[in-house]
């Protein structure tokens, strides 16, 4: 078998060294809730979960950062960037400036150029990842992932070996590999959506968007909590935030099948199924009464992940409406006391 000239066989798998036995669990107070915040991926539509959190801060916390009210934060892609910010003690209101003030620098162009980029995206990535990197440097500087004040899990996908990978803060003794990663690099590694940005080649690995396998990372948080801490699964409280979805329709040509017919539906089908499955599994494990899911109502045509203008017009009011409808439940379950590990 011919060898790939660019493939360095001396580079170990990111999964090398994974524990093959059950983890000894870390202590946790009996009966004390373990609160997890999970944030989906969705490009510029990350403004929705960010504004949901900012609205909660405004209504219930006098503007203080919401992160310290959770014992673990998991986030994918744009949700991963929000999670990184919360882990640094930033408020959601502060983080929202990345979308409101800098979104057009990350996704530049008019409606026409977005349309042209969409067609060009069939052949190559339509946006310069360097724009996102500049904004993340503005946010995080040279800060390290291990400096997070909150246990954090950020999924990505390693294209060198074709393996899912989760960046984890050192909140468990086994978790030593990722703490010296720069926040900027973790953010780029989880947000390199292959239809938008080029993959991140770093230290011999090739990272693409965690949304490939965990656009809704709820189960990553639930599993990590159960396997790291001495908690009963019913102690877990999960706040899961989405970025909106289109109404799903399988047309007659999809029923016939074939690569051409499914080209436009396959990705959305896989991501939708993964999200529903993650929520379903989490509900079975911890009890649906211990979960709160906030997401925009399904629409016939979802705002594009790069449509900054439309997202900024529509998403803030949707966020306010969602918080209004769930305010009592959110306050009661997640905000009554500040909890930290």
C-alpha atoms as a PDB file:
ATOM      1  CA  UNK A   1       0.000   0.000   0.000  1.00  0.00           C
ATOM      2  CA  UNK A   2       1.543   3.373  -1.005  1.00  0.00           C
ATOM      3  CA  UNK A   3       2.313   5.794   1.806  1.00  0.00           C
ATOM      4  CA  UNK A   4       0.895   9.320   1.870  1.00  0.00           C
ATOM      5  CA  UNK A   5       3.950  11.594   1.556  1.00  0.00           C
ATOM      6  CA  UNK A   6       2.312  14.205   3.820  1.00  0.00           C
ATOM      7  CA  UNK A   7       1.339  11.708   6.486  1.00  0.00           C
ATOM      8  CA  UNK A   8       3.612  11.628   9.510  1.00  0.00           C
ATOM      9  CA  UNK A   9       3.211   8.181  11.011  1.00  0.00           C
ATOM     10  CA  UNK A  10       5.105   9.187  14.154  1.00  0.00           C
ATOM     11  CA  UNK A  11       2.248  11.439  15.339  1.00  0.00           C
ATOM     12  CA  UNK A  12       0.110   9.569  17.891  1.00  0.00           C
ATOM     13  CA  UNK A  13      -3.646   9.478  17.842  1.00  0.00           C
ATOM     14  CA  UNK A  14      -5.300  12.085  20.035  1.00  0.00           C
ATOM     15  CA  UNK A  15      -7.133   9.166  21.651  1.00  0.00           C
ATOM     16  CA  UNK A  16      -3.929   7.383  22.651  1.00  0.00           C
ATOM     17  CA  UNK A  17      -3.756   6.920  26.404  1.00  0.00           C
ATOM     18  CA  UNK A  18      -7.517   6.848  26.880  1.00  0.00           C
ATOM     19  CA  UNK A  19      -8.393   5.002  30.076  1.00  0.00           C
ATOM     20  CA  UNK A  20      -9.590   1.461  29.365  1.00  0.00           C
ATOM     21  CA  UNK A  21     -11.134   0.948  32.789  1.00  0.00           C
ATOM     22  CA  UNK A  22     -13.862   2.721  34.712  1.00  0.00           C
ATOM     23  CA  UNK A  23     -12.756   6.042  36.145  1.00  0.00           C
ATOM     24  CA  UNK A  24     -12.648   6.438  39.914  1.00  0.00           C
ATOM     25  CA  UNK A  25     -15.155   9.224  40.457  1.00  0.00           C
ATOM     26  CA  UNK A  26     -14.344  12.513  42.159  1.00  0.00           C
ATOM     27  CA  UNK A  27     -16.410  13.447  45.229  1.00  0.00           C
ATOM     28  CA  UNK A  28     -19.591  15.484  44.892  1.00  0.00           C
ATOM     29  CA  UNK A  29     -22.009  16.521  47.675  1.00  0.00           C
ATOM     30  CA  UNK A  30     -24.865  14.064  48.079  1.00  0.00           C
ATOM     31  CA  UNK A  31     -28.096  15.438  46.669  1.00  0.00           C
ATOM     32  CA  UNK A  32     -26.509  18.612  45.302  1.00  0.00           C
ATOM     33  CA  UNK A  33     -27.621  19.311  41.693  1.00  0.00           C
ATOM     34  CA  UNK A  34     -24.949  19.199  38.995  1.00  0.00           C
ATOM     35  CA  UNK A  35     -25.796  21.905  36.470  1.00  0.00           C
ATOM     36  CA  UNK A  36     -24.728  21.629  32.827  1.00  0.00           C
ATOM     37  CA  UNK A  37     -25.017  24.288  30.133  1.00  0.00           C
ATOM     38  CA  UNK A  38     -24.950  22.908  26.573  1.00  0.00           C
ATOM     39  CA  UNK A  39     -24.747  25.191  23.512  1.00  0.00           C
ATOM     40  CA  UNK A  40     -25.316  24.011  19.932  1.00  0.00           C
ATOM     41  CA  UNK A  41     -23.358  25.036  16.849  1.00  0.00           C
ATOM     42  CA  UNK A  42     -24.793  27.281  14.129  1.00  0.00           C
ATOM     43  CA  UNK A  43     -22.407  29.947  12.800  1.00  0.00           C
ATOM     44  CA  UNK A  44     -23.616  33.523  13.236  1.00  0.00           C
ATOM     45  CA  UNK A  45     -26.858  32.062  14.643  1.00  0.00           C
ATOM     46  CA  UNK A  46     -24.882  31.600  17.836  1.00  0.00           C
ATOM     47  CA  UNK A  47     -26.260  35.066  18.552  1.00  0.00           C
ATOM     48  CA  UNK A  48     -29.463  33.286  19.670  1.00  0.00           C
ATOM     49  CA  UNK A  49     -28.040  31.217  22.577  1.00  0.00           C
ATOM     50  CA  UNK A  50     -25.712  34.088  23.454  1.00  0.00           C
ATOM     51  CA  UNK A  51     -28.609  36.555  23.668  1.00  0.00           C
ATOM     52  CA  UNK A  52     -30.696  34.018  25.624  1.00  0.00           C
ATOM     53  CA  UNK A  53     -27.942  33.917  28.227  1.00  0.00           C
ATOM     54  CA  UNK A  54     -27.529  37.707  28.112  1.00  0.00           C
ATOM     55  CA  UNK A  55     -31.270  38.134  28.673  1.00  0.00           C
ATOM     56  CA  UNK A  56     -31.131  35.778  31.665  1.00  0.00           C
ATOM     57  CA  UNK A  57     -28.213  37.792  33.068  1.00  0.00           C
ATOM     58  CA  UNK A  58     -30.182  41.011  32.647  1.00  0.00           C
ATOM     59  CA  UNK A  59     -33.420  39.698  34.177  1.00  0.00           C
ATOM     60  CA  UNK A  60     -32.149  37.633  37.071  1.00  0.00           C
ATOM     61  CA  UNK A  61     -28.467  38.333  37.749  1.00  0.00           C
ATOM     62  CA  UNK A  62     -28.179  42.138  37.560  1.00  0.00           C
ATOM     63  CA  UNK A  63     -25.875  41.685  34.574  1.00  0.00           C
ATOM     64  CA  UNK A  64     -23.319  39.445  36.291  1.00  0.00           C
ATOM     65  CA  UNK A  65     -21.736  36.640  34.270  1.00  0.00           C
ATOM     66  CA  UNK A  66     -23.929  33.547  34.161  1.00  0.00           C
ATOM     67  CA  UNK A  67     -21.148  30.979  33.837  1.00  0.00           C
ATOM     68  CA  UNK A  68     -20.527  30.521  37.551  1.00  0.00           C
ATOM     69  CA  UNK A  69     -24.076  29.215  37.978  1.00  0.00           C
ATOM     70  CA  UNK A  70     -23.077  26.054  36.096  1.00  0.00           C
ATOM     71  CA  UNK A  71     -20.790  23.192  37.074  1.00  0.00           C
ATOM     72  CA  UNK A  72     -19.923  22.297  33.478  1.00  0.00           C
ATOM     73  CA  UNK A  73     -20.258  23.954  30.085  1.00  0.00           C
ATOM     74  CA  UNK A  74     -20.189  22.114  26.751  1.00  0.00           C
ATOM     75  CA  UNK A  75     -20.333  23.853  23.411  1.00  0.00           C
ATOM     76  CA  UNK A  76     -19.839  23.028  19.749  1.00  0.00           C
ATOM     77  CA  UNK A  77     -18.565  25.353  17.013  1.00  0.00           C
ATOM     78  CA  UNK A  78     -20.068  28.805  17.677  1.00  0.00           C
ATOM     79  CA  UNK A  79     -21.414  27.322  20.924  1.00  0.00           C
ATOM     80  CA  UNK A  80     -17.870  26.274  21.761  1.00  0.00           C
ATOM     81  CA  UNK A  81     -16.648  29.844  21.334  1.00  0.00           C
ATOM     82  CA  UNK A  82     -19.374  31.062  23.692  1.00  0.00           C
ATOM     83  CA  UNK A  83     -18.404  28.317  26.168  1.00  0.00           C
ATOM     84  CA  UNK A  84     -14.761  29.417  26.041  1.00  0.00           C
ATOM     85  CA  UNK A  85     -15.778  32.986  26.821  1.00  0.00           C
ATOM     86  CA  UNK A  86     -17.973  31.967  29.728  1.00  0.00           C
ATOM     87  CA  UNK A  87     -15.135  29.855  31.087  1.00  0.00           C
ATOM     88  CA  UNK A  88     -12.972  32.981  31.160  1.00  0.00           C
ATOM     89  CA  UNK A  89     -15.496  34.736  33.362  1.00  0.00           C
ATOM     90  CA  UNK A  90     -16.973  36.850  30.575  1.00  0.00           C
ATOM     91  CA  UNK A  91     -20.664  37.635  30.653  1.00  0.00           C
ATOM     92  CA  UNK A  92     -22.882  36.587  27.769  1.00  0.00           C
ATOM     93  CA  UNK A  93     -23.511  40.284  27.163  1.00  0.00           C
ATOM     94  CA  UNK A  94     -19.769  40.793  26.646  1.00  0.00           C
ATOM     95  CA  UNK A  95     -19.500  37.770  24.368  1.00  0.00           C
ATOM     96  CA  UNK A  96     -22.468  38.925  22.276  1.00  0.00           C
ATOM     97  CA  UNK A  97     -20.311  41.810  20.997  1.00  0.00           C
ATOM     98  CA  UNK A  98     -18.380  39.246  18.959  1.00  0.00           C
ATOM     99  CA  UNK A  99     -21.567  38.680  16.962  1.00  0.00           C
ATOM    100  CA  UNK A 100     -23.087  42.158  17.062  1.00  0.00           C
ATOM    101  CA  UNK A 101     -19.967  44.252  16.452  1.00  0.00           C
ATOM    102  CA  UNK A 102     -17.591  41.818  14.735  1.00  0.00           C
ATOM    103  CA  UNK A 103     -19.889  39.418  12.896  1.00  0.00           C
ATOM    104  CA  UNK A 104     -19.524  41.310   9.614  1.00  0.00           C
ATOM    105  CA  UNK A 105     -15.741  41.019   9.818  1.00  0.00           C
ATOM    106  CA  UNK A 106     -16.009  37.230  10.170  1.00  0.00           C
ATOM    107  CA  UNK A 107     -18.647  36.892   7.431  1.00  0.00           C
ATOM    108  CA  UNK A 108     -18.113  39.912   5.158  1.00  0.00           C
ATOM    109  CA  UNK A 109     -20.200  40.721   2.109  1.00  0.00           C
ATOM    110  CA  UNK A 110     -23.657  41.623   0.858  1.00  0.00           C
ATOM    111  CA  UNK A 111     -26.631  39.350   0.183  1.00  0.00           C
ATOM    112  CA  UNK A 112     -25.410  38.959  -3.406  1.00  0.00           C
ATOM    113  CA  UNK A 113     -21.896  37.994  -2.378  1.00  0.00           C
ATOM    114  CA  UNK A 114     -23.298  35.505   0.157  1.00  0.00           C
ATOM    115  CA  UNK A 115     -25.317  33.949  -2.667  1.00  0.00           C
ATOM    116  CA  UNK A 116     -22.214  33.749  -4.848  1.00  0.00           C
ATOM    117  CA  UNK A 117     -20.201  32.326  -1.962  1.00  0.00           C
ATOM    118  CA  UNK A 118     -22.909  29.723  -1.456  1.00  0.00           C
ATOM    119  CA  UNK A 119     -22.466  28.441  -4.978  1.00  0.00           C
ATOM    120  CA  UNK A 120     -18.681  28.714  -4.736  1.00  0.00           C
ATOM    121  CA  UNK A 121     -18.913  26.631  -1.554  1.00  0.00           C
ATOM    122  CA  UNK A 122     -19.586  23.547  -3.643  1.00  0.00           C
ATOM    123  CA  UNK A 123     -15.931  23.713  -4.739  1.00  0.00           C
ATOM    124  CA  UNK A 124     -14.053  25.403  -1.875  1.00  0.00           C
ATOM    125  CA  UNK A 125     -14.591  27.067   1.500  1.00  0.00           C
ATOM    126  CA  UNK A 126     -16.148  30.497   0.908  1.00  0.00           C
ATOM    127  CA  UNK A 127     -14.721  32.399   3.904  1.00  0.00           C
ATOM    128  CA  UNK A 128     -11.233  33.190   5.144  1.00  0.00           C
ATOM    129  CA  UNK A 129     -10.669  31.455   8.486  1.00  0.00           C
ATOM    130  CA  UNK A 130      -8.097  34.133   9.252  1.00  0.00           C
ATOM    131  CA  UNK A 131     -10.921  36.609   9.899  1.00  0.00           C
ATOM    132  CA  UNK A 132     -12.313  34.397  12.646  1.00  0.00           C
ATOM    133  CA  UNK A 133      -8.823  33.878  14.068  1.00  0.00           C
ATOM    134  CA  UNK A 134      -8.260  37.639  14.327  1.00  0.00           C
ATOM    135  CA  UNK A 135     -11.497  38.081  16.255  1.00  0.00           C
ATOM    136  CA  UNK A 136     -10.731  35.202  18.594  1.00  0.00           C
ATOM    137  CA  UNK A 137      -7.310  36.707  19.268  1.00  0.00           C
ATOM    138  CA  UNK A 138      -9.054  39.963  20.076  1.00  0.00           C
ATOM    139  CA  UNK A 139     -11.262  38.092  22.563  1.00  0.00           C
ATOM    140  CA  UNK A 140      -8.786  35.688  24.154  1.00  0.00           C
ATOM    141  CA  UNK A 141      -5.262  36.868  23.397  1.00  0.00           C
ATOM    142  CA  UNK A 142      -2.790  34.110  24.264  1.00  0.00           C
ATOM    143  CA  UNK A 143      -4.954  32.695  27.055  1.00  0.00           C
ATOM    144  CA  UNK A 144      -4.842  28.954  27.703  1.00  0.00           C
ATOM    145  CA  UNK A 145      -7.747  26.547  27.778  1.00  0.00           C
ATOM    146  CA  UNK A 146      -6.719  25.264  31.189  1.00  0.00           C
ATOM    147  CA  UNK A 147      -7.317  28.710  32.684  1.00  0.00           C
ATOM    148  CA  UNK A 148     -11.072  28.231  32.476  1.00  0.00           C
ATOM    149  CA  UNK A 149     -12.796  28.722  35.818  1.00  0.00           C
ATOM    150  CA  UNK A 150     -15.523  26.242  34.834  1.00  0.00           C
ATOM    151  CA  UNK A 151     -15.107  22.622  33.673  1.00  0.00           C
ATOM    152  CA  UNK A 152     -15.519  22.814  29.907  1.00  0.00           C
ATOM    153  CA  UNK A 153     -15.789  20.270  27.073  1.00  0.00           C
ATOM    154  CA  UNK A 154     -15.455  21.317  23.422  1.00  0.00           C
ATOM    155  CA  UNK A 155     -15.928  18.739  20.623  1.00  0.00           C
ATOM    156  CA  UNK A 156     -13.945  18.754  17.398  1.00  0.00           C
ATOM    157  CA  UNK A 157     -13.048  16.182  14.731  1.00  0.00           C
ATOM    158  CA  UNK A 158      -9.517  15.058  13.915  1.00  0.00           C
ATOM    159  CA  UNK A 159      -9.184  14.455  10.192  1.00  0.00           C
ATOM    160  CA  UNK A 160      -5.775  12.796  10.437  1.00  0.00           C
ATOM    161  CA  UNK A 161      -7.169   9.654  11.999  1.00  0.00           C
ATOM    162  CA  UNK A 162     -10.875  10.261  11.434  1.00  0.00           C
ATOM    163  CA  UNK A 163     -11.738  10.384  15.140  1.00  0.00           C
ATOM    164  CA  UNK A 164     -14.079  12.512  17.237  1.00  0.00           C
ATOM    165  CA  UNK A 165     -12.150  14.504  19.783  1.00  0.00           C
ATOM    166  CA  UNK A 166     -13.246  16.470  22.848  1.00  0.00           C
ATOM    167  CA  UNK A 167     -11.024  19.197  24.284  1.00  0.00           C
ATOM    168  CA  UNK A 168     -11.390  19.058  28.073  1.00  0.00           C
ATOM    169  CA  UNK A 169     -10.222  21.361  30.823  1.00  0.00           C
ATOM    170  CA  UNK A 170      -8.244  19.656  33.639  1.00  0.00           C
ATOM    171  CA  UNK A 171     -11.317  19.110  35.830  1.00  0.00           C
ATOM    172  CA  UNK A 172     -10.436  15.428  36.204  1.00  0.00           C
ATOM    173  CA  UNK A 173      -6.977  13.994  37.006  1.00  0.00           C
ATOM    174  CA  UNK A 174      -6.774  12.145  33.678  1.00  0.00           C
ATOM    175  CA  UNK A 175      -7.404  15.314  31.665  1.00  0.00           C
ATOM    176  CA  UNK A 176      -3.893  16.648  31.117  1.00  0.00           C
ATOM    177  CA  UNK A 177      -3.563  16.811  27.328  1.00  0.00           C
ATOM    178  CA  UNK A 178      -5.530  19.956  26.514  1.00  0.00           C
ATOM    179  CA  UNK A 179      -4.875  22.410  29.335  1.00  0.00           C
ATOM    180  CA  UNK A 180      -1.954  24.056  27.529  1.00  0.00           C
ATOM    181  CA  UNK A 181      -3.881  24.544  24.285  1.00  0.00           C
ATOM    182  CA  UNK A 182      -4.534  28.182  23.448  1.00  0.00           C
ATOM    183  CA  UNK A 183      -8.151  29.276  23.659  1.00  0.00           C
ATOM    184  CA  UNK A 184      -7.864  30.621  20.112  1.00  0.00           C
ATOM    185  CA  UNK A 185      -6.768  27.228  18.781  1.00  0.00           C
ATOM    186  CA  UNK A 186      -9.545  25.350  20.565  1.00  0.00           C
ATOM    187  CA  UNK A 187     -12.075  27.835  19.219  1.00  0.00           C
ATOM    188  CA  UNK A 188     -10.794  27.472  15.659  1.00  0.00           C
ATOM    189  CA  UNK A 189     -10.692  23.684  15.966  1.00  0.00           C
ATOM    190  CA  UNK A 190     -14.331  23.378  16.981  1.00  0.00           C
ATOM    191  CA  UNK A 191     -15.627  26.028  14.536  1.00  0.00           C
ATOM    192  CA  UNK A 192     -13.958  25.008  11.267  1.00  0.00           C
ATOM    193  CA  UNK A 193     -17.237  24.099   9.530  1.00  0.00           C
ATOM    194  CA  UNK A 194     -16.090  22.404   6.301  1.00  0.00           C
ATOM    195  CA  UNK A 195     -18.688  24.221   4.174  1.00  0.00           C
ATOM    196  CA  UNK A 196     -17.538  27.612   5.531  1.00  0.00           C
ATOM    197  CA  UNK A 197     -13.916  27.537   6.757  1.00  0.00           C
ATOM    198  CA  UNK A 198     -10.846  25.523   5.838  1.00  0.00           C
ATOM    199  CA  UNK A 199      -9.735  22.837   8.290  1.00  0.00           C
ATOM    200  CA  UNK A 200      -7.182  23.714  10.970  1.00  0.00           C
ATOM    201  CA  UNK A 201      -3.819  22.015  10.475  1.00  0.00           C
ATOM    202  CA  UNK A 202      -1.884  22.162  13.720  1.00  0.00           C
ATOM    203  CA  UNK A 203       0.814  20.068  15.395  1.00  0.00           C
ATOM    204  CA  UNK A 204       0.378  17.334  12.812  1.00  0.00           C
ATOM    205  CA  UNK A 205      -3.409  17.093  13.268  1.00  0.00           C
ATOM    206  CA  UNK A 206      -6.209  18.379  11.052  1.00  0.00           C
ATOM    207  CA  UNK A 207      -9.245  19.663  12.942  1.00  0.00           C
ATOM    208  CA  UNK A 208     -12.703  20.322  11.561  1.00  0.00           C
ATOM    209  CA  UNK A 209     -15.954  21.418  13.132  1.00  0.00           C
ATOM    210  CA  UNK A 210     -17.274  19.422  16.092  1.00  0.00           C
ATOM    211  CA  UNK A 211     -20.699  19.683  14.469  1.00  0.00           C
ATOM    212  CA  UNK A 212     -19.679  16.800  12.196  1.00  0.00           C
ATOM    213  CA  UNK A 213     -20.616  14.469  15.026  1.00  0.00           C
ATOM    214  CA  UNK A 214     -21.900  16.527  17.986  1.00  0.00           C
ATOM    215  CA  UNK A 215     -23.578  19.741  16.857  1.00  0.00           C
ATOM    216  CA  UNK A 216     -25.748  19.330  19.945  1.00  0.00           C
ATOM    217  CA  UNK A 217     -23.196  18.414  22.644  1.00  0.00           C
ATOM    218  CA  UNK A 218     -25.673  17.720  25.460  1.00  0.00           C
ATOM    219  CA  UNK A 219     -24.684  14.058  25.857  1.00  0.00           C
ATOM    220  CA  UNK A 220     -20.989  14.954  26.008  1.00  0.00           C
ATOM    221  CA  UNK A 221     -21.713  16.911  29.168  1.00  0.00           C
ATOM    222  CA  UNK A 222     -24.013  14.316  30.697  1.00  0.00           C
ATOM    223  CA  UNK A 223     -21.593  11.432  30.106  1.00  0.00           C
ATOM    224  CA  UNK A 224     -18.599  13.399  31.350  1.00  0.00           C
ATOM    225  CA  UNK A 225     -20.427  14.403  34.525  1.00  0.00           C
ATOM    226  CA  UNK A 226     -21.579  10.875  35.308  1.00  0.00           C
ATOM    227  CA  UNK A 227     -18.156   9.354  34.708  1.00  0.00           C
ATOM    228  CA  UNK A 228     -16.105  12.035  36.502  1.00  0.00           C
ATOM    229  CA  UNK A 229     -18.138  12.764  39.623  1.00  0.00           C
ATOM    230  CA  UNK A 230     -19.847  10.780  42.340  1.00  0.00           C
ATOM    231  CA  UNK A 231     -23.341  11.837  41.358  1.00  0.00           C
ATOM    232  CA  UNK A 232     -26.572  10.064  40.678  1.00  0.00           C
ATOM    233  CA  UNK A 233     -27.791  10.749  37.181  1.00  0.00           C
ATOM    234  CA  UNK A 234     -30.982  12.303  38.566  1.00  0.00           C
ATOM    235  CA  UNK A 235     -28.852  15.035  40.210  1.00  0.00           C
ATOM    236  CA  UNK A 236     -27.992  16.425  36.775  1.00  0.00           C
ATOM    237  CA  UNK A 237     -29.787  19.534  35.525  1.00  0.00           C
ATOM    238  CA  UNK A 238     -29.317  20.352  31.834  1.00  0.00           C
ATOM    239  CA  UNK A 239     -29.941  23.669  30.081  1.00  0.00           C
ATOM    240  CA  UNK A 240     -29.618  23.042  26.334  1.00  0.00           C
ATOM    241  CA  UNK A 241     -29.594  25.984  23.905  1.00  0.00           C
ATOM    242  CA  UNK A 242     -30.129  25.682  20.155  1.00  0.00           C
ATOM    243  CA  UNK A 243     -29.591  27.929  17.128  1.00  0.00           C
ATOM    244  CA  UNK A 244     -32.854  27.213  15.284  1.00  0.00           C
ATOM    245  CA  UNK A 245     -33.838  24.619  12.697  1.00  0.00           C
ATOM    246  CA  UNK A 246     -35.697  24.419   9.417  1.00  0.00           C
ATOM    247  CA  UNK A 247     -38.913  22.457   9.151  1.00  0.00           C
ATOM    248  CA  UNK A 248     -37.857  19.054   7.849  1.00  0.00           C
ATOM    249  CA  UNK A 249     -39.364  17.706   4.651  1.00  0.00           C
ATOM    250  CA  UNK A 250     -38.274  14.650   2.696  1.00  0.00           C
ATOM    251  CA  UNK A 251     -39.375  15.223  -0.906  1.00  0.00           C
ATOM    252  CA  UNK A 252     -40.179  12.630  -3.550  1.00  0.00           C
ATOM    253  CA  UNK A 253     -36.658  12.765  -5.009  1.00  0.00           C
ATOM    254  CA  UNK A 254     -35.205  12.061  -1.582  1.00  0.00           C
ATOM    255  CA  UNK A 255     -37.381   8.973  -1.315  1.00  0.00           C
ATOM    256  CA  UNK A 256     -35.969   7.738  -4.608  1.00  0.00           C
ATOM    257  CA  UNK A 257     -32.472   8.167  -3.217  1.00  0.00           C
ATOM    258  CA  UNK A 258     -29.103   8.599  -4.901  1.00  0.00           C
ATOM    259  CA  UNK A 259     -26.150  10.901  -4.287  1.00  0.00           C
ATOM    260  CA  UNK A 260     -27.464  13.780  -6.380  1.00  0.00           C
ATOM    261  CA  UNK A 261     -30.900  13.770  -4.796  1.00  0.00           C
ATOM    262  CA  UNK A 262     -29.520  13.649  -1.268  1.00  0.00           C
ATOM    263  CA  UNK A 263     -26.656  16.119  -1.729  1.00  0.00           C
ATOM    264  CA  UNK A 264     -28.593  19.022  -0.254  1.00  0.00           C
ATOM    265  CA  UNK A 265     -30.410  17.097   2.484  1.00  0.00           C
ATOM    266  CA  UNK A 266     -27.848  14.717   3.896  1.00  0.00           C
ATOM    267  CA  UNK A 267     -25.979  17.171   6.153  1.00  0.00           C
ATOM    268  CA  UNK A 268     -29.124  18.757   7.592  1.00  0.00           C
ATOM    269  CA  UNK A 269     -30.667  15.311   8.142  1.00  0.00           C
ATOM    270  CA  UNK A 270     -27.603  14.015   9.977  1.00  0.00           C
ATOM    271  CA  UNK A 271     -27.292  17.099  12.178  1.00  0.00           C
ATOM    272  CA  UNK A 272     -30.995  17.134  12.977  1.00  0.00           C
ATOM    273  CA  UNK A 273     -31.010  13.446  13.854  1.00  0.00           C
ATOM    274  CA  UNK A 274     -27.918  13.832  16.035  1.00  0.00           C
ATOM    275  CA  UNK A 275     -29.487  16.693  17.950  1.00  0.00           C
ATOM    276  CA  UNK A 276     -32.786  14.919  18.571  1.00  0.00           C
ATOM    277  CA  UNK A 277     -30.940  11.758  19.576  1.00  0.00           C
ATOM    278  CA  UNK A 278     -28.694  13.645  22.025  1.00  0.00           C
ATOM    279  CA  UNK A 279     -31.709  15.242  23.676  1.00  0.00           C
ATOM    280  CA  UNK A 280     -33.599  11.948  23.728  1.00  0.00           C
ATOM    281  CA  UNK A 281     -30.725  10.048  25.321  1.00  0.00           C
ATOM    282  CA  UNK A 282     -30.104  12.811  27.860  1.00  0.00           C
ATOM    283  CA  UNK A 283     -33.784  12.785  28.775  1.00  0.00           C
ATOM    284  CA  UNK A 284     -33.767   9.033  29.285  1.00  0.00           C
ATOM    285  CA  UNK A 285     -30.685   9.230  31.513  1.00  0.00           C
ATOM    286  CA  UNK A 286     -31.474  12.204  33.722  1.00  0.00           C
ATOM    287  CA  UNK A 287     -35.241  12.512  33.341  1.00  0.00           C
ATOM    288  CA  UNK A 288     -36.938  14.979  31.024  1.00  0.00           C
ATOM    289  CA  UNK A 289     -38.148  16.995  33.988  1.00  0.00           C
ATOM    290  CA  UNK A 290     -34.489  17.812  34.699  1.00  0.00           C
ATOM    291  CA  UNK A 291     -33.921  19.295  31.234  1.00  0.00           C
ATOM    292  CA  UNK A 292     -34.754  22.667  29.729  1.00  0.00           C
ATOM    293  CA  UNK A 293     -34.332  23.075  25.972  1.00  0.00           C
ATOM    294  CA  UNK A 294     -34.580  26.567  24.493  1.00  0.00           C
ATOM    295  CA  UNK A 295     -34.513  26.891  20.703  1.00  0.00           C
ATOM    296  CA  UNK A 296     -36.132  29.040  18.038  1.00  0.00           C
ATOM    297  CA  UNK A 297     -39.383  27.745  16.507  1.00  0.00           C
ATOM    298  CA  UNK A 298     -38.844  25.771  13.313  1.00  0.00           C
ATOM    299  CA  UNK A 299     -39.216  27.823  10.145  1.00  0.00           C
ATOM    300  CA  UNK A 300     -39.572  26.967   6.465  1.00  0.00           C
ATOM    301  CA  UNK A 301     -36.274  28.689   5.622  1.00  0.00           C
ATOM    302  CA  UNK A 302     -33.676  29.103   8.321  1.00  0.00           C
ATOM    303  CA  UNK A 303     -31.458  32.159   8.444  1.00  0.00           C
ATOM    304  CA  UNK A 304     -28.112  31.344   6.848  1.00  0.00           C
ATOM    305  CA  UNK A 305     -25.221  30.601   9.175  1.00  0.00           C
ATOM    306  CA  UNK A 306     -23.369  33.520   7.529  1.00  0.00           C
ATOM    307  CA  UNK A 307     -26.310  35.961   7.256  1.00  0.00           C
ATOM    308  CA  UNK A 308     -25.183  38.481   9.863  1.00  0.00           C
ATOM    309  CA  UNK A 309     -27.722  41.164   9.045  1.00  0.00           C
ATOM    310  CA  UNK A 310     -30.798  38.952   9.254  1.00  0.00           C
ATOM    311  CA  UNK A 311     -29.570  37.184  12.370  1.00  0.00           C
ATOM    312  CA  UNK A 312     -29.037  40.479  14.190  1.00  0.00           C
ATOM    313  CA  UNK A 313     -32.503  41.687  13.207  1.00  0.00           C
ATOM    314  CA  UNK A 314     -34.463  38.575  14.171  1.00  0.00           C
ATOM    315  CA  UNK A 315     -32.629  36.643  16.866  1.00  0.00           C
ATOM    316  CA  UNK A 316     -32.645  39.128  19.799  1.00  0.00           C
ATOM    317  CA  UNK A 317     -36.469  39.238  19.886  1.00  0.00           C
ATOM    318  CA  UNK A 318     -36.640  35.442  19.632  1.00  0.00           C
ATOM    319  CA  UNK A 319     -34.225  35.204  22.572  1.00  0.00           C
ATOM    320  CA  UNK A 320     -36.361  37.530  24.684  1.00  0.00           C
ATOM    321  CA  UNK A 321     -39.484  35.548  23.863  1.00  0.00           C
ATOM    322  CA  UNK A 322     -37.869  32.231  24.779  1.00  0.00           C
ATOM    323  CA  UNK A 323     -36.604  33.548  28.107  1.00  0.00           C
ATOM    324  CA  UNK A 324     -39.987  35.073  28.870  1.00  0.00           C
ATOM    325  CA  UNK A 325     -41.690  31.724  28.325  1.00  0.00           C
ATOM    326  CA  UNK A 326     -39.194  29.713  30.385  1.00  0.00           C
ATOM    327  CA  UNK A 327     -38.130  32.313  32.938  1.00  0.00           C
ATOM    328  CA  UNK A 328     -39.661  30.694  36.012  1.00  0.00           C
ATOM    329  CA  UNK A 329     -38.238  27.273  35.186  1.00  0.00           C
ATOM    330  CA  UNK A 330     -34.770  28.618  34.357  1.00  0.00           C
ATOM    331  CA  UNK A 331     -34.585  30.690  37.519  1.00  0.00           C
ATOM    332  CA  UNK A 332     -35.809  27.880  39.750  1.00  0.00           C
ATOM    333  CA  UNK A 333     -33.570  25.133  38.356  1.00  0.00           C
ATOM    334  CA  UNK A 334     -30.350  26.939  37.426  1.00  0.00           C
ATOM    335  CA  UNK A 335     -30.063  30.259  39.247  1.00  0.00           C
ATOM    336  CA  UNK A 336     -31.175  29.744  42.829  1.00  0.00           C
ATOM    337  CA  UNK A 337     -27.625  29.234  44.026  1.00  0.00           C
ATOM    338  CA  UNK A 338     -24.173  29.694  42.548  1.00  0.00           C
ATOM    339  CA  UNK A 339     -22.350  26.369  42.297  1.00  0.00           C
ATOM    340  CA  UNK A 340     -18.716  25.609  41.477  1.00  0.00           C
ATOM    341  CA  UNK A 341     -16.526  22.521  41.425  1.00  0.00           C
END
